Amino acid sequence: MRLQPMHIPLVGLALLAAACSKGAGQGDNPVAAAEAVAAGIQAKTKGGPVEVAAAAGPVETTSAGGPKRRDGWWEMGSFTADGSPMATQSLCVGAGSEEKFSVFDQLTVMGNCNPKELSRSGAGWSFHTRCQLMTTVNESKGTISGDFRQSFRVDQTIVSNEAGTLSGSIRGQWKGACPAGRKPGDMVSGTAVFNVLG
């Protein structure tokens, strides 16, 4: 299966680019595609860390049991463990897109993942994944929290067989309706646009 570059989870972006820095051309090479995306979205996020709202009531869930984001335009920033911004992406959510590409799905699209575990934990969810892409193996553990109406947060630690350990967070904030011309599944990462559902 050819990896589409927009599927790269934000926190693992820098790690995967470093761990896979052996490819040269882009073409159908998923490693080179990952590097290209990493190089293209290093712009710092503006306005500092996103405040994450606690769930005031029950969080709507997908059929797989994970949290479901509210329909609309979501801006997601990745941050290192010390809070330094790394990259941003935006995603149009709607028309059932969360059933195919939820917050948890974004964390498990790099290669073949086993285990791929998600469970309720306190006010949020905890997860454990081990995903392999070519010779790179990334094991990730963390938590997902928020109200998923206005904001959410993913805290995770990734251990790579090639690049060591990276800890950080993804902080998502709802910005309103999807902009004109954007349809459910459209992800914007730097200047690149890709539909994650196609």
N, C-alpha and C. Protein backbone atom coordinates (compact mmCIF):
# COMPACT_ATOMS: atom_id res chain seq x y z
N MET A 1 0.83 -1.19 0.00
CA MET A 1 0.00 0.00 0.00
C MET A 1 0.87 1.24 0.00
N ARG A 2 0.56 2.20 -0.86
CA ARG A 2 1.35 3.43 -0.93
C ARG A 2 0.89 4.38 0.17
N LEU A 3 1.82 4.87 0.95
CA LEU A 3 1.51 5.80 2.02
C LEU A 3 1.31 7.19 1.45
N GLN A 4 0.19 7.82 1.80
CA GLN A 4 -0.04 9.19 1.40
C GLN A 4 0.56 10.11 2.45
N PRO A 5 1.32 11.13 2.05
CA PRO A 5 2.04 11.95 3.02
C PRO A 5 1.16 12.67 4.01
N MET A 6 -0.07 13.01 3.68
CA MET A 6 -0.91 13.74 4.61
C MET A 6 -1.38 12.89 5.77
N HIS A 7 -1.13 11.59 5.73
CA HIS A 7 -1.56 10.72 6.81
C HIS A 7 -0.59 10.70 7.97
N ILE A 8 0.48 11.45 7.91
CA ILE A 8 1.48 11.39 8.96
C ILE A 8 0.95 12.02 10.24
N PRO A 9 0.95 11.29 11.37
CA PRO A 9 0.48 11.88 12.61
C PRO A 9 1.43 12.98 13.05
N LEU A 10 0.88 14.06 13.60
CA LEU A 10 1.68 15.25 13.87
C LEU A 10 2.83 15.03 14.84
N VAL A 11 2.59 14.40 15.97
CA VAL A 11 3.65 14.27 16.96
C VAL A 11 4.79 13.42 16.41
N GLY A 12 4.47 12.40 15.61
CA GLY A 12 5.50 11.54 15.07
C GLY A 12 6.18 12.08 13.84
N LEU A 13 5.75 13.25 13.37
CA LEU A 13 6.25 13.77 12.11
C LEU A 13 7.76 13.93 12.10
N ALA A 14 8.30 14.66 13.06
CA ALA A 14 9.75 14.89 13.09
C ALA A 14 10.51 13.60 13.32
N LEU A 15 9.97 12.75 14.18
CA LEU A 15 10.61 11.46 14.46
C LEU A 15 10.69 10.61 13.21
N LEU A 16 9.58 10.50 12.49
CA LEU A 16 9.56 9.66 11.31
C LEU A 16 10.46 10.20 10.21
N ALA A 17 10.50 11.51 10.08
CA ALA A 17 11.37 12.09 9.06
C ALA A 17 12.83 11.79 9.39
N ALA A 18 13.16 11.86 10.67
CA ALA A 18 14.54 11.58 11.07
C ALA A 18 14.86 10.09 10.96
N ALA A 19 13.91 9.27 11.39
CA ALA A 19 14.15 7.83 11.39
C ALA A 19 14.23 7.27 9.98
N CYS A 20 13.58 7.93 9.04
CA CYS A 20 13.50 7.41 7.68
C CYS A 20 14.32 8.24 6.70
N SER A 21 15.37 8.86 7.15
CA SER A 21 16.11 9.79 6.30
C SER A 21 17.07 9.09 5.35
N LYS A 22 16.60 7.99 4.75
CA LYS A 22 17.47 7.25 3.85
C LYS A 22 17.02 7.33 2.40
N GLY A 23 15.75 7.79 2.17
CA GLY A 23 15.23 7.85 0.80
C GLY A 23 15.78 9.05 0.06
N ALA A 24 15.82 8.98 -1.26
CA ALA A 24 16.33 10.09 -2.04
C ALA A 24 15.22 10.74 -2.85
N GLY A 25 14.62 10.02 -3.81
CA GLY A 25 13.57 10.61 -4.64
C GLY A 25 12.23 10.48 -3.95
N GLN A 26 11.23 11.24 -4.41
CA GLN A 26 9.92 11.17 -3.78
C GLN A 26 9.04 10.14 -4.48
N GLY A 27 8.51 10.45 -5.63
CA GLY A 27 7.72 9.49 -6.38
C GLY A 27 6.79 8.67 -5.52
N ASP A 28 6.88 7.34 -5.63
CA ASP A 28 6.04 6.45 -4.85
C ASP A 28 6.71 6.02 -3.56
N ASN A 29 7.82 6.63 -3.21
CA ASN A 29 8.58 6.27 -2.02
C ASN A 29 7.94 6.92 -0.79
N PRO A 30 7.31 6.16 0.12
CA PRO A 30 6.64 6.76 1.27
C PRO A 30 7.61 7.45 2.22
N VAL A 31 8.84 6.96 2.31
CA VAL A 31 9.82 7.60 3.18
C VAL A 31 10.14 9.00 2.66
N ALA A 32 10.40 9.11 1.36
CA ALA A 32 10.69 10.41 0.77
C ALA A 32 9.48 11.33 0.89
N ALA A 33 8.29 10.77 0.75
CA ALA A 33 7.08 11.58 0.89
C ALA A 33 6.97 12.13 2.30
N ALA A 34 7.30 11.30 3.30
CA ALA A 34 7.27 11.76 4.68
C ALA A 34 8.26 12.88 4.90
N GLU A 35 9.45 12.75 4.31
CA GLU A 35 10.46 13.79 4.45
C GLU A 35 10.00 15.08 3.81
N ALA A 36 9.35 14.97 2.65
CA ALA A 36 8.89 16.16 1.94
C ALA A 36 7.86 16.92 2.76
N VAL A 37 6.93 16.17 3.38
CA VAL A 37 5.93 16.83 4.22
C VAL A 37 6.59 17.46 5.43
N ALA A 38 7.53 16.74 6.05
CA ALA A 38 8.21 17.29 7.21
C ALA A 38 8.93 18.58 6.87
N ALA A 39 9.57 18.63 5.72
CA ALA A 39 10.29 19.83 5.31
C ALA A 39 9.34 20.97 5.00
N GLY A 40 8.13 20.64 4.56
CA GLY A 40 7.21 21.68 4.11
C GLY A 40 6.35 22.30 5.19
N ILE A 41 6.31 21.72 6.41
CA ILE A 41 5.41 22.28 7.41
C ILE A 41 6.10 22.57 8.73
N GLN A 42 7.30 23.07 8.66
CA GLN A 42 8.02 23.39 9.88
C GLN A 42 7.67 24.77 10.44
N ALA A 43 6.71 25.46 9.84
CA ALA A 43 6.31 26.77 10.34
C ALA A 43 5.80 26.63 11.77
N LYS A 44 6.17 27.59 12.61
CA LYS A 44 5.74 27.57 14.00
C LYS A 44 4.26 27.93 14.11
N THR A 45 3.60 27.34 15.09
CA THR A 45 2.21 27.70 15.32
C THR A 45 2.16 29.06 16.00
N LYS A 46 1.06 29.77 15.81
CA LYS A 46 0.91 31.11 16.37
C LYS A 46 -0.03 31.08 17.56
N GLY A 47 0.22 31.96 18.49
CA GLY A 47 -0.71 32.12 19.60
C GLY A 47 -0.45 31.21 20.78
N GLY A 48 0.61 30.42 20.75
CA GLY A 48 0.96 29.59 21.89
C GLY A 48 0.08 28.36 22.02
N PRO A 49 0.24 27.61 23.13
CA PRO A 49 -0.49 26.36 23.33
C PRO A 49 -2.00 26.56 23.34
N VAL A 50 -2.70 25.56 22.85
CA VAL A 50 -4.16 25.58 22.83
C VAL A 50 -4.67 25.12 24.19
N GLU A 51 -5.58 25.88 24.77
CA GLU A 51 -6.21 25.46 26.01
C GLU A 51 -7.21 24.35 25.68
N VAL A 52 -7.15 23.26 26.41
CA VAL A 52 -8.02 22.13 26.12
C VAL A 52 -9.16 22.07 27.12
N ALA A 53 -10.39 22.11 26.60
CA ALA A 53 -11.58 22.08 27.45
C ALA A 53 -11.83 20.66 27.93
N ALA A 54 -12.20 20.55 29.20
CA ALA A 54 -12.59 19.25 29.73
C ALA A 54 -14.01 18.94 29.27
N ALA A 55 -14.29 17.67 29.11
CA ALA A 55 -15.63 17.27 28.67
C ALA A 55 -16.65 17.63 29.73
N ALA A 56 -17.67 18.43 29.34
CA ALA A 56 -18.71 18.83 30.28
C ALA A 56 -19.77 17.74 30.41
N GLY A 57 -19.86 16.89 29.40
CA GLY A 57 -20.83 15.79 29.41
C GLY A 57 -20.27 14.64 28.62
N PRO A 58 -21.11 13.68 28.29
CA PRO A 58 -20.63 12.53 27.52
C PRO A 58 -20.07 12.95 26.16
N VAL A 59 -18.94 12.37 25.80
CA VAL A 59 -18.33 12.64 24.50
C VAL A 59 -18.91 11.66 23.49
N GLU A 60 -19.33 12.17 22.35
CA GLU A 60 -19.84 11.30 21.30
C GLU A 60 -18.70 10.42 20.81
N THR A 61 -19.00 9.16 20.50
CA THR A 61 -17.95 8.23 20.08
C THR A 61 -18.22 7.63 18.71
N THR A 62 -17.16 7.15 18.09
CA THR A 62 -17.27 6.44 16.81
C THR A 62 -17.76 5.02 17.08
N SER A 63 -18.07 4.29 16.04
CA SER A 63 -18.52 2.90 16.21
C SER A 63 -17.41 2.03 16.80
N ALA A 64 -16.16 2.47 16.66
CA ALA A 64 -15.03 1.73 17.23
C ALA A 64 -14.78 2.10 18.69
N GLY A 65 -15.54 3.08 19.22
CA GLY A 65 -15.42 3.43 20.63
C GLY A 65 -14.50 4.58 20.93
N GLY A 66 -13.94 5.21 19.92
CA GLY A 66 -13.04 6.34 20.14
C GLY A 66 -13.80 7.66 20.12
N PRO A 67 -13.17 8.73 20.57
CA PRO A 67 -13.83 10.04 20.58
C PRO A 67 -14.08 10.57 19.18
N LYS A 68 -15.22 11.24 19.03
CA LYS A 68 -15.60 11.79 17.73
C LYS A 68 -15.57 13.32 17.80
N ARG A 69 -14.79 13.93 16.90
CA ARG A 69 -14.74 15.39 16.84
C ARG A 69 -16.01 15.96 16.24
N ARG A 70 -16.38 17.13 16.69
CA ARG A 70 -17.50 17.89 16.13
C ARG A 70 -17.24 18.20 14.66
N ASP A 71 -18.30 18.22 13.85
CA ASP A 71 -18.16 18.61 12.45
C ASP A 71 -17.63 20.03 12.36
N GLY A 72 -16.80 20.27 11.37
CA GLY A 72 -16.26 21.60 11.14
C GLY A 72 -14.78 21.58 10.86
N TRP A 73 -14.16 22.74 10.97
CA TRP A 73 -12.75 22.94 10.63
C TRP A 73 -11.91 22.86 11.89
N TRP A 74 -11.00 21.89 11.94
CA TRP A 74 -10.13 21.68 13.09
C TRP A 74 -8.69 22.05 12.74
N GLU A 75 -8.09 22.86 13.59
CA GLU A 75 -6.67 23.17 13.46
C GLU A 75 -5.92 22.36 14.51
N MET A 76 -4.89 21.64 14.09
CA MET A 76 -4.15 20.77 15.00
C MET A 76 -2.68 21.14 14.97
N GLY A 77 -2.13 21.38 16.14
CA GLY A 77 -0.72 21.71 16.25
C GLY A 77 0.01 20.64 17.01
N SER A 78 1.26 20.39 16.62
CA SER A 78 2.09 19.44 17.37
C SER A 78 3.13 20.21 18.17
N PHE A 79 3.40 19.70 19.37
CA PHE A 79 4.32 20.35 20.29
C PHE A 79 5.27 19.32 20.88
N THR A 80 6.51 19.73 21.11
CA THR A 80 7.47 18.86 21.78
C THR A 80 7.09 18.79 23.26
N ALA A 81 7.78 17.94 24.01
CA ALA A 81 7.47 17.76 25.43
C ALA A 81 7.62 19.05 26.22
N ASP A 82 8.52 19.96 25.79
CA ASP A 82 8.69 21.22 26.51
C ASP A 82 7.74 22.31 26.03
N GLY A 83 6.82 21.97 25.12
CA GLY A 83 5.84 22.92 24.66
C GLY A 83 6.21 23.69 23.41
N SER A 84 7.36 23.39 22.83
CA SER A 84 7.77 24.10 21.61
C SER A 84 6.94 23.63 20.43
N PRO A 85 6.39 24.57 19.62
CA PRO A 85 5.58 24.17 18.47
C PRO A 85 6.42 23.54 17.37
N MET A 86 5.86 22.54 16.68
CA MET A 86 6.56 21.85 15.61
C MET A 86 5.90 22.04 14.26
N ALA A 87 4.60 21.83 14.16
CA ALA A 87 3.92 21.87 12.87
C ALA A 87 2.43 22.03 13.08
N THR A 88 1.72 22.41 12.04
CA THR A 88 0.26 22.51 12.10
C THR A 88 -0.37 21.83 10.90
N GLN A 89 -1.58 21.34 11.10
CA GLN A 89 -2.40 20.79 10.03
C GLN A 89 -3.84 21.21 10.32
N SER A 90 -4.65 21.28 9.28
CA SER A 90 -6.08 21.55 9.46
C SER A 90 -6.86 20.48 8.73
N LEU A 91 -8.04 20.14 9.28
CA LEU A 91 -8.85 19.07 8.73
C LEU A 91 -10.32 19.45 8.74
N CYS A 92 -11.01 19.18 7.65
CA CYS A 92 -12.46 19.38 7.57
C CYS A 92 -13.14 18.08 8.00
N VAL A 93 -13.90 18.15 9.09
CA VAL A 93 -14.62 16.99 9.63
C VAL A 93 -16.10 17.13 9.30
N GLY A 94 -16.73 16.05 8.83
CA GLY A 94 -18.16 16.08 8.54
C GLY A 94 -18.60 14.89 7.72
N ALA A 95 -19.90 14.75 7.54
CA ALA A 95 -20.49 13.69 6.71
C ALA A 95 -19.98 12.30 7.11
N GLY A 96 -19.84 12.08 8.42
CA GLY A 96 -19.40 10.77 8.89
C GLY A 96 -17.92 10.49 8.74
N SER A 97 -17.11 11.51 8.48
CA SER A 97 -15.68 11.30 8.25
C SER A 97 -14.95 10.71 9.46
N GLU A 98 -15.48 10.97 10.67
CA GLU A 98 -14.81 10.45 11.87
C GLU A 98 -14.86 8.93 11.95
N GLU A 99 -15.82 8.31 11.26
CA GLU A 99 -15.87 6.85 11.24
C GLU A 99 -14.69 6.26 10.47
N LYS A 100 -14.12 7.05 9.58
CA LYS A 100 -13.00 6.57 8.77
C LYS A 100 -11.66 7.17 9.19
N PHE A 101 -11.69 8.39 9.78
CA PHE A 101 -10.44 9.08 10.08
C PHE A 101 -10.59 9.91 11.36
N SER A 102 -10.72 9.22 12.48
CA SER A 102 -10.86 9.87 13.78
C SER A 102 -9.49 10.28 14.32
N VAL A 103 -9.50 10.89 15.50
CA VAL A 103 -8.24 11.26 16.15
C VAL A 103 -7.35 10.03 16.28
N PHE A 104 -7.91 8.93 16.75
CA PHE A 104 -7.11 7.72 16.93
C PHE A 104 -6.61 7.18 15.61
N ASP A 105 -7.46 7.23 14.57
CA ASP A 105 -7.02 6.76 13.24
C ASP A 105 -5.81 7.54 12.75
N GLN A 106 -5.75 8.85 13.06
CA GLN A 106 -4.61 9.66 12.64
C GLN A 106 -3.31 9.16 13.27
N LEU A 107 -3.40 8.50 14.42
CA LEU A 107 -2.21 8.02 15.10
C LEU A 107 -1.74 6.66 14.60
N THR A 108 -2.56 6.00 13.79
CA THR A 108 -2.27 4.60 13.44
C THR A 108 -2.26 4.35 11.94
N VAL A 109 -1.91 5.36 11.16
CA VAL A 109 -1.92 5.18 9.71
C VAL A 109 -0.53 4.98 9.11
N MET A 110 0.50 5.04 9.93
CA MET A 110 1.85 4.85 9.42
C MET A 110 2.22 3.37 9.46
N GLY A 111 2.03 2.68 8.35
CA GLY A 111 2.42 1.29 8.25
C GLY A 111 1.38 0.34 8.82
N ASN A 112 1.83 -0.88 9.15
CA ASN A 112 0.96 -1.91 9.72
C ASN A 112 1.07 -1.85 11.23
N CYS A 113 -0.07 -1.75 11.91
CA CYS A 113 -0.08 -1.57 13.36
C CYS A 113 -0.65 -2.78 14.09
N ASN A 114 0.13 -3.33 15.02
CA ASN A 114 -0.29 -4.43 15.88
C ASN A 114 0.65 -4.48 17.09
N PRO A 115 0.12 -4.20 18.30
CA PRO A 115 -1.28 -3.96 18.63
C PRO A 115 -1.73 -2.56 18.21
N LYS A 116 -3.03 -2.37 18.27
CA LYS A 116 -3.68 -1.10 17.98
C LYS A 116 -4.81 -0.97 18.99
N GLU A 117 -4.46 -0.61 20.22
CA GLU A 117 -5.39 -0.67 21.34
C GLU A 117 -5.82 0.72 21.80
N LEU A 118 -7.12 0.85 22.06
CA LEU A 118 -7.71 2.09 22.56
C LEU A 118 -8.75 1.73 23.60
N SER A 119 -8.68 2.35 24.79
CA SER A 119 -9.65 2.05 25.83
C SER A 119 -9.97 3.29 26.65
N ARG A 120 -11.18 3.32 27.24
CA ARG A 120 -11.55 4.43 28.10
C ARG A 120 -10.67 4.41 29.33
N SER A 121 -10.25 5.61 29.75
CA SER A 121 -9.36 5.72 30.89
C SER A 121 -9.69 7.03 31.61
N GLY A 122 -10.36 6.95 32.75
CA GLY A 122 -10.74 8.16 33.47
C GLY A 122 -11.65 9.02 32.62
N ALA A 123 -11.26 10.29 32.43
CA ALA A 123 -12.08 11.23 31.65
C ALA A 123 -11.77 11.18 30.17
N GLY A 124 -10.84 10.30 29.77
CA GLY A 124 -10.46 10.25 28.36
C GLY A 124 -10.23 8.83 27.88
N TRP A 125 -9.22 8.67 27.06
CA TRP A 125 -8.87 7.38 26.48
C TRP A 125 -7.37 7.18 26.60
N SER A 126 -6.95 5.92 26.71
CA SER A 126 -5.52 5.60 26.64
C SER A 126 -5.32 4.69 25.43
N PHE A 127 -4.11 4.75 24.86
CA PHE A 127 -3.85 3.93 23.68
C PHE A 127 -2.44 3.37 23.72
N HIS A 128 -2.27 2.28 22.95
CA HIS A 128 -0.97 1.63 22.78
C HIS A 128 -0.94 1.08 21.36
N THR A 129 0.03 1.51 20.59
CA THR A 129 0.18 1.01 19.23
C THR A 129 1.63 0.64 18.96
N ARG A 130 1.80 -0.28 18.03
CA ARG A 130 3.13 -0.62 17.53
C ARG A 130 2.98 -0.75 16.02
N CYS A 131 3.58 0.21 15.30
CA CYS A 131 3.39 0.28 13.85
C CYS A 131 4.73 0.14 13.13
N GLN A 132 4.73 -0.63 12.05
CA GLN A 132 5.94 -0.84 11.27
C GLN A 132 5.74 -0.34 9.85
N LEU A 133 6.69 0.47 9.39
CA LEU A 133 6.72 0.96 8.02
C LEU A 133 8.11 0.64 7.48
N MET A 134 8.17 -0.30 6.54
CA MET A 134 9.45 -0.78 6.02
C MET A 134 10.29 -1.29 7.21
N THR A 135 11.48 -0.74 7.44
CA THR A 135 12.32 -1.24 8.54
C THR A 135 12.14 -0.46 9.84
N THR A 136 11.31 0.59 9.81
CA THR A 136 11.11 1.42 10.99
C THR A 136 9.93 0.92 11.81
N VAL A 137 10.15 0.72 13.11
CA VAL A 137 9.11 0.29 14.03
C VAL A 137 8.93 1.37 15.08
N ASN A 138 7.70 1.88 15.22
CA ASN A 138 7.39 2.90 16.21
C ASN A 138 6.36 2.36 17.18
N GLU A 139 6.69 2.38 18.46
CA GLU A 139 5.74 1.98 19.50
C GLU A 139 5.31 3.24 20.23
N SER A 140 3.99 3.43 20.35
CA SER A 140 3.45 4.65 20.93
C SER A 140 2.47 4.34 22.04
N LYS A 141 2.58 5.12 23.13
CA LYS A 141 1.64 5.02 24.24
C LYS A 141 1.24 6.43 24.63
N GLY A 142 -0.02 6.59 25.03
CA GLY A 142 -0.44 7.92 25.43
C GLY A 142 -1.91 8.00 25.79
N THR A 143 -2.40 9.25 25.86
CA THR A 143 -3.78 9.52 26.24
C THR A 143 -4.40 10.52 25.28
N ILE A 144 -5.73 10.45 25.16
CA ILE A 144 -6.51 11.38 24.37
C ILE A 144 -7.57 11.97 25.29
N SER A 145 -7.68 13.31 25.32
CA SER A 145 -8.64 13.95 26.21
C SER A 145 -9.23 15.20 25.56
N GLY A 146 -10.25 15.77 26.20
CA GLY A 146 -10.88 16.99 25.72
C GLY A 146 -12.38 16.84 25.64
N ASP A 147 -13.05 17.89 25.14
CA ASP A 147 -14.50 17.80 24.98
C ASP A 147 -14.89 17.46 23.53
N PHE A 148 -13.94 17.59 22.60
CA PHE A 148 -14.11 17.25 21.18
C PHE A 148 -15.20 18.08 20.50
N ARG A 149 -15.68 19.09 21.21
CA ARG A 149 -16.58 20.09 20.63
C ARG A 149 -15.78 21.36 20.31
N GLN A 150 -14.91 21.73 21.24
CA GLN A 150 -14.07 22.91 21.06
C GLN A 150 -12.59 22.58 20.98
N SER A 151 -12.17 21.51 21.66
CA SER A 151 -10.75 21.19 21.69
C SER A 151 -10.51 19.74 22.08
N PHE A 152 -9.32 19.28 21.79
CA PHE A 152 -8.86 17.96 22.26
C PHE A 152 -7.35 18.00 22.38
N ARG A 153 -6.82 17.00 23.04
CA ARG A 153 -5.37 16.90 23.22
C ARG A 153 -4.96 15.44 23.21
N VAL A 154 -3.84 15.17 22.54
CA VAL A 154 -3.23 13.85 22.55
C VAL A 154 -1.83 14.01 23.14
N ASP A 155 -1.53 13.26 24.19
CA ASP A 155 -0.18 13.23 24.75
C ASP A 155 0.38 11.85 24.47
N GLN A 156 1.57 11.79 23.88
CA GLN A 156 2.12 10.47 23.56
C GLN A 156 3.63 10.46 23.60
N THR A 157 4.14 9.25 23.80
CA THR A 157 5.57 8.98 23.72
C THR A 157 5.76 7.92 22.66
N ILE A 158 6.63 8.19 21.69
CA ILE A 158 6.93 7.26 20.62
C ILE A 158 8.35 6.75 20.81
N VAL A 159 8.51 5.43 20.79
CA VAL A 159 9.83 4.82 20.83
C VAL A 159 10.08 4.18 19.48
N SER A 160 11.13 4.63 18.80
CA SER A 160 11.47 4.12 17.47
C SER A 160 12.72 3.26 17.54
N ASN A 161 12.73 2.18 16.77
CA ASN A 161 13.91 1.32 16.74
C ASN A 161 15.08 2.02 16.04
N GLU A 162 14.81 3.10 15.30
CA GLU A 162 15.88 3.77 14.56
C GLU A 162 16.19 5.15 15.09
N ALA A 163 15.24 5.80 15.77
CA ALA A 163 15.46 7.20 16.15
C ALA A 163 15.30 7.47 17.64
N GLY A 164 15.15 6.44 18.45
CA GLY A 164 15.05 6.68 19.88
C GLY A 164 13.65 7.07 20.32
N THR A 165 13.57 7.96 21.30
CA THR A 165 12.31 8.32 21.94
C THR A 165 11.94 9.77 21.70
N LEU A 166 10.66 10.00 21.39
CA LEU A 166 10.13 11.35 21.23
C LEU A 166 8.84 11.45 22.01
N SER A 167 8.72 12.48 22.84
CA SER A 167 7.47 12.74 23.57
C SER A 167 6.92 14.08 23.13
N GLY A 168 5.62 14.18 23.09
CA GLY A 168 5.01 15.44 22.69
C GLY A 168 3.51 15.36 22.73
N SER A 169 2.87 16.37 22.15
CA SER A 169 1.42 16.42 22.18
C SER A 169 0.87 16.97 20.88
N ILE A 170 -0.38 16.63 20.60
CA ILE A 170 -1.16 17.22 19.52
C ILE A 170 -2.30 17.96 20.22
N ARG A 171 -2.51 19.21 19.84
CA ARG A 171 -3.59 20.00 20.45
C ARG A 171 -4.49 20.50 19.34
N GLY A 172 -5.73 20.08 19.40
CA GLY A 172 -6.68 20.44 18.36
C GLY A 172 -7.68 21.47 18.84
N GLN A 173 -8.05 22.39 17.95
CA GLN A 173 -9.02 23.42 18.28
C GLN A 173 -10.00 23.59 17.14
N TRP A 174 -11.29 23.62 17.49
CA TRP A 174 -12.35 23.81 16.50
C TRP A 174 -12.40 25.27 16.10
N LYS A 175 -12.43 25.54 14.79
CA LYS A 175 -12.38 26.91 14.29
C LYS A 175 -13.69 27.37 13.66
N GLY A 176 -14.69 26.49 13.58
CA GLY A 176 -15.95 26.87 12.96
C GLY A 176 -16.25 25.97 11.77
N ALA A 177 -17.08 26.47 10.87
CA ALA A 177 -17.44 25.70 9.68
C ALA A 177 -16.22 25.54 8.77
N CYS A 178 -16.22 24.47 7.98
CA CYS A 178 -15.14 24.28 7.02
C CYS A 178 -15.15 25.42 6.02
N PRO A 179 -13.98 25.94 5.63
CA PRO A 179 -13.93 27.04 4.66
C PRO A 179 -14.55 26.66 3.33
N ALA A 180 -14.99 27.65 2.60
CA ALA A 180 -15.55 27.43 1.27
C ALA A 180 -14.53 26.68 0.42
N GLY A 181 -15.02 25.68 -0.30
CA GLY A 181 -14.14 24.90 -1.15
C GLY A 181 -13.51 23.70 -0.48
N ARG A 182 -13.69 23.56 0.83
CA ARG A 182 -13.16 22.41 1.55
C ARG A 182 -14.28 21.44 1.87
N LYS A 183 -14.04 20.15 1.61
CA LYS A 183 -15.05 19.13 1.87
C LYS A 183 -14.55 18.18 2.96
N PRO A 184 -15.45 17.40 3.57
CA PRO A 184 -15.03 16.48 4.63
C PRO A 184 -13.87 15.59 4.18
N GLY A 185 -12.87 15.50 5.04
CA GLY A 185 -11.67 14.71 4.74
C GLY A 185 -10.53 15.53 4.18
N ASP A 186 -10.79 16.77 3.76
CA ASP A 186 -9.70 17.61 3.24
C ASP A 186 -8.77 18.00 4.37
N MET A 187 -7.49 17.71 4.21
CA MET A 187 -6.48 18.09 5.18
C MET A 187 -5.51 19.07 4.51
N VAL A 188 -5.17 20.11 5.23
CA VAL A 188 -4.22 21.10 4.74
C VAL A 188 -2.99 21.05 5.63
N SER A 189 -1.85 20.83 5.02
CA SER A 189 -0.59 20.73 5.75
C SER A 189 0.43 21.58 5.01
N GLY A 190 0.72 22.77 5.54
CA GLY A 190 1.55 23.71 4.80
C GLY A 190 0.80 24.17 3.57
N THR A 191 1.41 24.01 2.42
CA THR A 191 0.75 24.39 1.16
C THR A 191 0.10 23.18 0.49
N ALA A 192 0.24 22.01 1.07
CA ALA A 192 -0.30 20.78 0.47
C ALA A 192 -1.73 20.54 0.96
N VAL A 193 -2.56 20.05 0.07
CA VAL A 193 -3.95 19.68 0.40
C VAL A 193 -4.18 18.25 -0.08
N PHE A 194 -4.78 17.43 0.78
CA PHE A 194 -5.03 16.04 0.45
C PHE A 194 -6.30 15.59 1.14
N ASN A 195 -7.11 14.79 0.47
CA ASN A 195 -8.30 14.26 1.11
C ASN A 195 -8.00 12.89 1.72
N VAL A 196 -8.09 12.80 3.05
CA VAL A 196 -7.70 11.58 3.76
C VAL A 196 -8.70 10.45 3.58
N LEU A 197 -9.88 10.76 3.06
CA LEU A 197 -10.90 9.73 2.87
C LEU A 197 -10.80 9.06 1.52
N GLY A 198 -10.04 9.66 0.58
CA GLY A 198 -9.94 9.13 -0.77
C GLY A 198 -8.84 8.21 -0.91
